[in-house]
N, C-alpha and C. Protein backbone atom coordinates (compact mmCIF):
# COMPACT_ATOMS: atom_id res chain seq x y z
N GLN A 1 22.83 12.75 7.78
CA GLN A 1 22.13 11.55 7.14
C GLN A 1 20.66 11.67 7.47
N VAL A 2 19.91 11.20 6.41
CA VAL A 2 18.36 11.26 6.63
C VAL A 2 17.91 9.78 6.31
N GLN A 3 16.99 9.35 7.18
CA GLN A 3 16.43 8.00 6.88
C GLN A 3 14.90 8.24 6.54
N LEU A 4 14.40 7.33 5.76
CA LEU A 4 13.04 7.31 5.32
C LEU A 4 12.60 5.82 5.72
N VAL A 5 11.49 5.76 6.47
CA VAL A 5 10.93 4.55 6.89
C VAL A 5 9.51 4.31 6.45
N GLU A 6 9.24 3.35 5.65
CA GLU A 6 7.84 3.19 5.15
C GLU A 6 7.13 2.20 6.05
N SER A 7 5.79 2.30 6.09
CA SER A 7 4.99 1.42 6.85
C SER A 7 3.59 1.29 6.28
N GLY A 8 2.78 0.30 6.58
CA GLY A 8 1.43 0.24 6.10
C GLY A 8 1.12 -0.75 5.01
N GLY A 9 2.22 -1.45 4.46
CA GLY A 9 1.94 -2.43 3.50
C GLY A 9 1.19 -3.67 4.15
N GLY A 10 0.88 -4.56 3.21
CA GLY A 10 0.21 -5.80 3.66
C GLY A 10 -0.50 -6.45 2.45
N LEU A 11 -1.35 -7.44 2.96
CA LEU A 11 -2.13 -8.18 1.99
C LEU A 11 -3.54 -7.74 2.01
N VAL A 12 -4.12 -7.38 0.89
CA VAL A 12 -5.58 -6.94 0.83
C VAL A 12 -6.21 -7.53 -0.27
N GLN A 13 -7.49 -7.70 -0.20
CA GLN A 13 -8.39 -8.24 -1.41
C GLN A 13 -8.62 -7.11 -2.31
N ALA A 14 -8.75 -7.55 -3.63
CA ALA A 14 -9.13 -6.60 -4.72
C ALA A 14 -10.23 -5.72 -4.27
N GLY A 15 -10.28 -4.47 -4.55
CA GLY A 15 -11.22 -3.46 -4.12
C GLY A 15 -11.06 -2.90 -2.71
N GLY A 16 -10.04 -3.40 -1.99
CA GLY A 16 -9.85 -2.92 -0.68
C GLY A 16 -8.90 -1.65 -0.70
N SER A 17 -8.65 -1.21 0.52
CA SER A 17 -7.82 -0.05 0.65
C SER A 17 -6.61 -0.25 1.63
N LEU A 18 -5.62 0.49 1.42
CA LEU A 18 -4.44 0.58 2.35
C LEU A 18 -3.96 1.94 2.33
N ARG A 19 -3.34 2.32 3.42
CA ARG A 19 -2.67 3.58 3.61
C ARG A 19 -1.17 3.37 3.90
N LEU A 20 -0.28 3.83 3.10
CA LEU A 20 1.12 3.78 3.30
C LEU A 20 1.54 5.05 3.96
N SER A 21 2.60 4.88 4.81
CA SER A 21 3.12 6.09 5.48
C SER A 21 4.69 6.04 5.40
N CYS A 22 5.31 7.11 5.36
CA CYS A 22 6.76 7.27 5.21
C CYS A 22 7.30 8.45 6.08
N VAL A 23 8.14 8.17 7.01
CA VAL A 23 8.59 9.21 7.95
C VAL A 23 10.02 9.40 7.60
N ALA A 24 10.41 10.78 7.49
CA ALA A 24 11.77 11.10 7.40
C ALA A 24 12.39 11.55 8.67
N SER A 25 13.53 11.06 9.05
CA SER A 25 14.20 11.46 10.28
C SER A 25 15.65 11.75 10.09
N GLY A 26 16.21 12.59 10.96
CA GLY A 26 17.56 13.02 10.77
C GLY A 26 17.85 14.38 11.40
N SER A 27 18.80 15.03 11.13
CA SER A 27 19.05 16.30 11.77
C SER A 27 19.39 17.35 10.67
N SER A 28 18.92 18.57 10.99
CA SER A 28 19.30 19.76 10.10
C SER A 28 18.90 19.56 8.62
N PHE A 29 17.63 19.23 8.41
CA PHE A 29 17.29 19.08 6.93
C PHE A 29 15.84 19.76 6.77
N SER A 30 15.58 19.93 5.50
CA SER A 30 14.30 20.30 5.17
C SER A 30 13.89 19.42 3.88
N ILE A 31 12.61 19.36 3.55
CA ILE A 31 12.29 18.43 2.36
C ILE A 31 11.57 19.25 1.40
N ASN A 32 11.94 19.08 0.17
CA ASN A 32 11.17 19.67 -0.96
C ASN A 32 10.05 18.66 -1.40
N ALA A 33 10.25 18.04 -2.54
CA ALA A 33 9.27 17.08 -3.01
C ALA A 33 9.44 15.76 -2.39
N MET A 34 8.28 15.03 -2.25
CA MET A 34 8.21 13.66 -1.78
C MET A 34 7.43 12.86 -2.77
N GLY A 35 7.70 11.53 -2.80
CA GLY A 35 6.96 10.65 -3.72
C GLY A 35 6.92 9.30 -3.31
N TRP A 36 6.19 8.55 -4.10
CA TRP A 36 6.06 7.08 -3.97
C TRP A 36 6.27 6.46 -5.45
N SER A 37 7.08 5.41 -5.36
CA SER A 37 7.24 4.60 -6.56
C SER A 37 6.98 3.13 -6.21
N ARG A 38 6.89 2.25 -7.20
CA ARG A 38 6.69 0.87 -6.97
C ARG A 38 7.47 -0.03 -7.99
N GLN A 39 7.69 -1.14 -7.57
CA GLN A 39 8.33 -2.09 -8.41
C GLN A 39 7.69 -3.51 -8.22
N ALA A 40 7.17 -4.04 -9.29
CA ALA A 40 6.58 -5.38 -9.31
C ALA A 40 7.67 -6.27 -9.76
N PRO A 41 7.51 -7.52 -9.45
CA PRO A 41 8.51 -8.60 -9.86
C PRO A 41 8.67 -8.59 -11.39
N GLY A 42 9.97 -8.47 -11.76
CA GLY A 42 10.26 -8.54 -13.26
C GLY A 42 10.01 -7.33 -14.01
N LYS A 43 9.56 -6.22 -13.33
CA LYS A 43 9.30 -4.92 -13.87
C LYS A 43 10.25 -3.88 -13.50
N GLN A 44 10.29 -2.82 -14.16
CA GLN A 44 11.06 -1.66 -13.77
C GLN A 44 10.32 -0.87 -12.67
N ARG A 45 11.03 -0.08 -11.78
CA ARG A 45 10.31 0.79 -10.95
C ARG A 45 9.59 1.87 -11.63
N GLU A 46 8.47 2.17 -11.16
CA GLU A 46 7.64 3.12 -11.86
C GLU A 46 7.17 4.21 -10.77
N LEU A 47 7.08 5.47 -11.20
CA LEU A 47 6.69 6.51 -10.31
C LEU A 47 5.16 6.50 -10.16
N VAL A 48 4.72 6.48 -9.01
CA VAL A 48 3.30 6.44 -8.71
C VAL A 48 2.65 7.82 -8.43
N ALA A 49 3.19 8.53 -7.67
CA ALA A 49 2.75 9.78 -7.24
C ALA A 49 3.78 10.73 -6.60
N THR A 50 3.68 12.05 -6.75
CA THR A 50 4.62 12.93 -6.19
C THR A 50 3.78 14.18 -5.54
N ILE A 51 4.51 14.80 -4.58
CA ILE A 51 3.82 15.93 -3.96
C ILE A 51 4.94 17.02 -3.68
N THR A 52 4.70 18.25 -3.94
CA THR A 52 5.71 19.23 -3.69
C THR A 52 5.51 19.79 -2.36
N SER A 53 6.44 20.61 -1.91
CA SER A 53 6.37 21.24 -0.62
C SER A 53 5.11 22.13 -0.43
N ASP A 54 4.64 22.60 -1.49
CA ASP A 54 3.41 23.47 -1.44
C ASP A 54 2.15 22.77 -1.67
N GLY A 55 2.24 21.32 -1.73
CA GLY A 55 1.13 20.54 -1.99
C GLY A 55 0.75 20.19 -3.36
N SER A 56 1.43 20.54 -4.37
CA SER A 56 1.00 20.13 -5.74
C SER A 56 1.27 18.76 -5.93
N THR A 57 0.32 18.06 -6.57
CA THR A 57 0.45 16.52 -6.71
C THR A 57 0.53 16.17 -8.23
N ASN A 58 1.02 14.99 -8.48
CA ASN A 58 1.03 14.43 -9.80
C ASN A 58 0.96 12.91 -9.60
N TYR A 59 0.21 12.23 -10.54
CA TYR A 59 -0.08 10.80 -10.39
C TYR A 59 0.18 10.12 -11.70
N ALA A 60 0.51 8.82 -11.57
CA ALA A 60 0.63 8.03 -12.74
C ALA A 60 -0.89 7.70 -13.28
N ASP A 61 -1.05 7.64 -14.54
CA ASP A 61 -2.31 7.46 -15.06
C ASP A 61 -3.01 6.15 -14.45
N SER A 62 -2.13 5.27 -14.22
CA SER A 62 -2.79 3.88 -13.76
C SER A 62 -3.34 4.01 -12.36
N VAL A 63 -3.04 5.02 -11.56
CA VAL A 63 -3.68 5.20 -10.23
C VAL A 63 -4.52 6.39 -10.04
N LYS A 64 -4.61 7.19 -11.07
CA LYS A 64 -5.40 8.42 -10.94
C LYS A 64 -6.84 8.12 -10.53
N GLY A 65 -7.40 8.80 -9.52
CA GLY A 65 -8.76 8.54 -9.16
C GLY A 65 -8.85 7.40 -8.10
N ARG A 66 -7.79 6.78 -7.85
CA ARG A 66 -7.79 5.65 -6.87
C ARG A 66 -6.82 5.93 -5.74
N PHE A 67 -5.72 6.53 -6.05
CA PHE A 67 -4.61 6.82 -5.00
C PHE A 67 -4.63 8.31 -4.71
N THR A 68 -4.30 8.59 -3.42
CA THR A 68 -4.11 10.07 -3.11
C THR A 68 -2.80 10.12 -2.31
N ILE A 69 -1.97 11.03 -2.68
CA ILE A 69 -0.77 11.43 -1.85
C ILE A 69 -1.01 12.64 -1.06
N PHE A 70 -0.66 12.67 0.15
CA PHE A 70 -0.68 13.87 0.91
C PHE A 70 0.54 13.79 2.00
N ARG A 71 0.76 14.88 2.55
CA ARG A 71 1.98 15.09 3.43
C ARG A 71 1.58 15.87 4.63
N HIS A 72 2.40 15.59 5.76
CA HIS A 72 2.26 16.54 6.91
C HIS A 72 3.65 17.03 7.06
N ASN A 73 3.93 18.22 6.72
CA ASN A 73 5.14 18.83 6.62
C ASN A 73 5.91 18.80 8.04
N THR A 74 5.23 19.28 9.08
CA THR A 74 5.84 19.39 10.38
C THR A 74 6.29 18.09 10.91
N LYS A 75 5.64 16.97 10.35
CA LYS A 75 6.08 15.69 10.87
C LYS A 75 6.91 14.96 9.87
N ASN A 76 7.31 15.70 8.79
CA ASN A 76 8.21 15.11 7.74
C ASN A 76 7.65 13.73 7.23
N THR A 77 6.34 13.67 7.05
CA THR A 77 5.72 12.33 6.72
C THR A 77 4.93 12.59 5.34
N VAL A 78 5.03 11.57 4.63
CA VAL A 78 4.27 11.49 3.30
C VAL A 78 3.38 10.26 3.42
N TYR A 79 2.12 10.34 2.86
CA TYR A 79 1.26 9.25 2.89
C TYR A 79 0.77 8.87 1.51
N LEU A 80 0.39 7.59 1.35
CA LEU A 80 -0.35 7.30 0.09
C LEU A 80 -1.53 6.49 0.45
N GLN A 81 -2.72 7.18 0.21
CA GLN A 81 -3.90 6.41 0.46
C GLN A 81 -4.26 5.67 -0.88
N MET A 82 -4.47 4.36 -0.75
CA MET A 82 -4.77 3.58 -1.93
C MET A 82 -6.09 2.88 -1.77
N ASN A 83 -7.06 3.24 -2.70
CA ASN A 83 -8.36 2.66 -2.71
C ASN A 83 -8.66 1.94 -4.01
N SER A 84 -9.74 1.16 -3.93
CA SER A 84 -10.09 0.31 -5.08
C SER A 84 -8.84 -0.47 -5.61
N LEU A 85 -8.13 -1.11 -4.73
CA LEU A 85 -6.83 -1.65 -5.21
C LEU A 85 -7.12 -2.88 -6.19
N LYS A 86 -6.18 -3.05 -7.17
CA LYS A 86 -6.28 -4.11 -8.05
C LYS A 86 -5.07 -5.04 -7.87
N PRO A 87 -5.21 -6.33 -8.46
CA PRO A 87 -4.07 -7.20 -8.34
C PRO A 87 -2.89 -6.59 -9.01
N GLU A 88 -3.07 -5.80 -10.05
CA GLU A 88 -1.86 -5.28 -10.67
C GLU A 88 -1.20 -4.20 -9.93
N ASP A 89 -1.68 -3.77 -8.85
CA ASP A 89 -1.10 -2.85 -7.85
C ASP A 89 -0.07 -3.52 -6.93
N THR A 90 -0.03 -4.86 -7.02
CA THR A 90 0.88 -5.65 -6.20
C THR A 90 2.41 -5.22 -6.68
N ALA A 91 3.10 -4.86 -5.64
CA ALA A 91 4.47 -4.37 -5.78
C ALA A 91 5.09 -4.04 -4.45
N VAL A 92 6.36 -3.80 -4.46
CA VAL A 92 7.06 -3.15 -3.33
C VAL A 92 7.02 -1.71 -3.53
N TYR A 93 6.53 -1.01 -2.72
CA TYR A 93 6.31 0.53 -2.68
C TYR A 93 7.45 1.13 -1.92
N TYR A 94 7.99 2.17 -2.66
CA TYR A 94 9.20 2.94 -1.99
C TYR A 94 8.79 4.37 -1.95
N CYS A 95 9.19 5.07 -0.85
CA CYS A 95 8.98 6.50 -0.80
C CYS A 95 10.38 7.14 -1.09
N ASN A 96 10.30 8.34 -1.58
CA ASN A 96 11.57 9.07 -1.66
C ASN A 96 11.39 10.52 -1.39
N ALA A 97 12.42 11.13 -1.06
CA ALA A 97 12.33 12.62 -0.66
C ALA A 97 13.51 13.34 -1.23
N GLU A 98 13.19 14.56 -1.75
CA GLU A 98 14.31 15.53 -2.03
C GLU A 98 14.63 16.27 -0.82
N VAL A 99 15.78 16.02 -0.26
CA VAL A 99 16.16 16.55 1.01
C VAL A 99 17.21 17.71 0.78
N ILE A 100 17.03 18.69 1.57
CA ILE A 100 17.93 19.88 1.47
C ILE A 100 18.78 19.88 2.79
N GLN A 101 20.09 19.79 2.72
CA GLN A 101 20.98 19.91 3.81
C GLN A 101 22.19 20.69 3.37
N SER A 102 22.47 21.77 4.25
CA SER A 102 23.68 22.59 4.10
C SER A 102 23.58 23.15 2.56
N ARG A 103 22.40 23.58 2.17
CA ARG A 103 22.17 24.21 0.85
C ARG A 103 22.35 23.19 -0.32
N SER A 104 22.51 21.99 -0.15
CA SER A 104 22.68 21.02 -1.22
C SER A 104 21.45 20.08 -1.17
N SER A 105 21.06 19.56 -2.37
CA SER A 105 20.04 18.68 -2.55
C SER A 105 20.32 17.20 -2.56
N TYR A 106 19.70 16.33 -1.93
CA TYR A 106 19.94 15.00 -1.97
C TYR A 106 18.65 14.22 -2.16
N ASP A 107 18.76 13.08 -2.77
CA ASP A 107 17.54 12.17 -2.87
C ASP A 107 17.76 11.01 -2.18
N TYR A 108 16.74 10.81 -1.24
CA TYR A 108 16.76 9.59 -0.30
C TYR A 108 15.70 8.67 -0.61
N TRP A 109 15.83 7.45 -0.36
CA TRP A 109 14.86 6.41 -0.58
C TRP A 109 14.62 5.47 0.68
N GLY A 110 13.47 5.15 0.87
CA GLY A 110 13.20 4.15 1.95
C GLY A 110 13.47 2.68 1.55
N GLN A 111 13.38 1.79 2.49
CA GLN A 111 13.62 0.44 2.18
C GLN A 111 12.59 -0.41 1.42
N GLY A 112 11.36 0.29 1.35
CA GLY A 112 10.33 -0.36 0.70
C GLY A 112 9.28 -1.18 1.61
N THR A 113 8.05 -1.17 1.15
CA THR A 113 7.04 -1.96 1.91
C THR A 113 6.17 -2.70 0.86
N GLN A 114 5.93 -3.96 1.18
CA GLN A 114 5.24 -4.87 0.23
C GLN A 114 3.72 -4.69 0.23
N VAL A 115 3.23 -4.54 -0.98
CA VAL A 115 1.78 -4.51 -1.10
C VAL A 115 1.28 -5.65 -1.98
N THR A 116 0.44 -6.54 -1.46
CA THR A 116 -0.05 -7.65 -2.24
C THR A 116 -1.61 -7.55 -2.28
N VAL A 117 -2.16 -7.54 -3.47
CA VAL A 117 -3.58 -7.51 -3.67
C VAL A 117 -3.92 -8.75 -4.27
N SER A 118 -4.89 -9.41 -3.61
CA SER A 118 -5.31 -10.72 -4.08
C SER A 118 -6.70 -10.60 -4.92
N SER A 119 -6.77 -11.49 -5.84
CA SER A 119 -8.07 -11.30 -6.72
C SER A 119 -9.15 -12.20 -6.08
């Protein structure tokens, strides 16, 4: 079993910055892609950013140029640096990881961390 634990959410004013972190823990696993998604009240969960094991990244159009995803492979950690935050970025942010265990692939999710951007 692998656990993902997010941290770094909070309340910030519009134009401010936050950095989210997500650490994967468990035994006998490796990680391929990792990513961040978010879900605002009354809306569907949307993919924000992804990063592959070799560092290739992809972003939602709504966050391009403002958010940066990066990872520390030896620490099994993925980060989301969020700059120039807007009220519409308010959501619960979830990290996920494609985990390889015993030559099978599994998708794990964290419990989420709240980000609130005030205007």
